[in-house]
Protein backbone atom coordinates (compact mmCIF):
# COMPACT_ATOMS: atom_id res chain seq x y z
CA UNK A 1 21.43 -90.60 80.11
CA UNK A 2 19.22 -89.89 77.31
CA UNK A 3 16.35 -87.58 77.23
CA UNK A 4 13.44 -87.55 75.87
CA UNK A 5 12.68 -85.67 72.72
CA UNK A 6 8.57 -84.02 72.88
CA UNK A 7 7.11 -85.35 69.71
CA UNK A 8 3.80 -83.07 68.53
CA UNK A 9 1.61 -83.77 65.72
CA UNK A 10 1.20 -80.83 62.60
CA UNK A 11 -3.04 -79.89 62.48
CA UNK A 12 -2.39 -79.44 58.76
CA UNK A 13 -1.27 -82.44 57.85
CA UNK A 14 -1.08 -84.64 60.89
CA UNK A 15 2.67 -85.99 60.29
CA UNK A 16 4.37 -85.78 63.89
CA UNK A 17 7.99 -84.36 64.68
CA UNK A 18 9.84 -82.68 67.16
CA UNK A 19 8.95 -79.81 69.61
CA UNK A 20 11.12 -77.41 68.02
CA UNK A 21 10.50 -78.52 63.89
CA UNK A 22 7.27 -77.28 64.29
CA UNK A 23 5.50 -73.71 65.06
CA UNK A 24 3.44 -73.19 68.12
CA UNK A 25 0.10 -71.09 67.82
CA UNK A 26 -2.30 -70.02 71.23
CA UNK A 27 -5.45 -68.25 71.55
CA UNK A 28 -5.56 -65.68 74.04
CA UNK A 29 -8.76 -64.30 75.13
CA UNK A 30 -9.20 -60.86 72.90
CA UNK A 31 -6.26 -61.28 70.90
CA UNK A 32 -7.49 -64.68 68.41
CA UNK A 33 -4.85 -67.04 67.28
CA UNK A 34 -1.29 -65.46 68.11
CA UNK A 35 2.14 -67.43 66.59
CA UNK A 36 3.83 -68.35 69.87
CA UNK A 37 7.41 -67.78 68.83
CA UNK A 38 9.62 -69.58 71.46
CA UNK A 39 6.70 -71.79 72.68
CA UNK A 40 6.24 -70.02 76.57
CA UNK A 41 2.74 -68.48 76.50
CA UNK A 42 0.57 -69.76 78.57
CA UNK A 43 -2.62 -71.93 77.38
CA UNK A 44 -3.06 -74.98 75.36
CA UNK A 45 -0.84 -74.99 72.17
CA UNK A 46 -1.24 -76.09 68.18
CA UNK A 47 1.72 -76.84 65.96
CA UNK A 48 2.12 -76.84 62.47
CA UNK A 49 4.67 -77.74 60.03
CA UNK A 50 6.80 -74.93 59.14
CA UNK A 51 5.18 -74.94 55.78
CA UNK A 52 2.33 -72.27 54.94
CA UNK A 53 0.22 -75.17 53.10
CA UNK A 54 -0.01 -76.87 56.30
CA UNK A 55 -0.92 -73.90 57.93
CA UNK A 56 -3.97 -73.00 55.29
CA UNK A 57 -4.95 -77.00 55.69
CA UNK A 58 -6.01 -76.59 59.20
CA UNK A 59 -7.58 -73.17 58.49
CA UNK A 60 -9.66 -74.90 56.40
CA UNK A 61 -10.30 -77.99 58.80
CA UNK A 62 -11.15 -75.88 61.67
CA UNK A 63 -8.06 -77.83 63.26
CA UNK A 64 -6.98 -74.52 65.21
CA UNK A 65 -10.52 -74.43 66.87
CA UNK A 66 -10.99 -78.03 67.70
CA UNK A 67 -7.35 -77.86 69.14
CA UNK A 68 -6.77 -75.16 70.67
CA UNK A 69 -10.60 -75.64 72.51
CA UNK A 70 -11.63 -72.72 71.62
CA UNK A 71 -15.27 -72.05 72.92
CA UNK A 72 -17.79 -70.98 70.60
CA UNK A 73 -18.62 -68.15 72.65
CA UNK A 74 -15.27 -66.72 71.38
CA UNK A 75 -15.36 -68.04 67.73
CA UNK A 76 -16.17 -63.93 67.23
CA UNK A 77 -12.40 -63.18 67.66
CA UNK A 78 -11.40 -65.57 65.26
CA UNK A 79 -12.05 -63.70 61.55
CA UNK A 80 -10.55 -64.75 58.04
CA UNK A 81 -8.18 -62.26 58.20
CA UNK A 82 -6.64 -63.98 61.03
CA UNK A 83 -5.22 -66.55 58.90
CA UNK A 84 -3.35 -63.94 56.33
CA UNK A 85 -1.69 -62.50 59.09
CA UNK A 86 -0.76 -65.65 60.46
CA UNK A 87 0.77 -66.19 57.13
CA UNK A 88 2.76 -63.31 57.10
CA UNK A 89 4.15 -63.59 60.43
CA UNK A 90 4.95 -67.72 60.12
CA UNK A 91 6.69 -66.08 56.43
CA UNK A 92 9.21 -63.58 58.69
CA UNK A 93 9.73 -66.41 61.22
CA UNK A 94 10.57 -69.28 58.84
CA UNK A 95 12.37 -66.83 55.95
CA UNK A 96 14.42 -65.50 59.37
CA UNK A 97 16.07 -69.06 60.55
CA UNK A 98 17.10 -69.45 56.60
CA UNK A 99 19.06 -66.22 56.67
CA UNK A 100 20.49 -67.83 59.89
CA UNK A 101 21.28 -70.55 59.35
CA UNK A 102 22.78 -69.00 55.47
CA UNK A 103 25.16 -66.87 58.46
CA UNK A 104 25.67 -70.51 60.02
CA UNK A 105 26.94 -72.12 56.89
CA UNK A 106 29.58 -68.82 55.96
CA UNK A 107 31.26 -69.02 59.07
CA UNK A 108 31.57 -72.06 59.31
CA UNK A 109 33.32 -71.80 55.95
CA UNK A 110 35.90 -69.16 56.70
């Protein structure tokens, strides 16, 4: 029996991809927008490609506010510094995955 694979849309470039191929973000009161590494945090999620330009596009278009349905009263919890923090977290996540895939390639060659 074949299992359905969830498809999501990047809020930056609008390209569709599998849920596991995109990075999930959530919004929590008092914490702002968070990167959801394991894709298990409660609440509404917004997905971005594993590309920093998509994150920047989504931020400029205010797509996070729309996709996460952030109430106007909570917009004060979001600052321009958040995008820099999210970029750094995303870079760490992406670089960590690249290192693991290289290690896997080395193990297969041995």
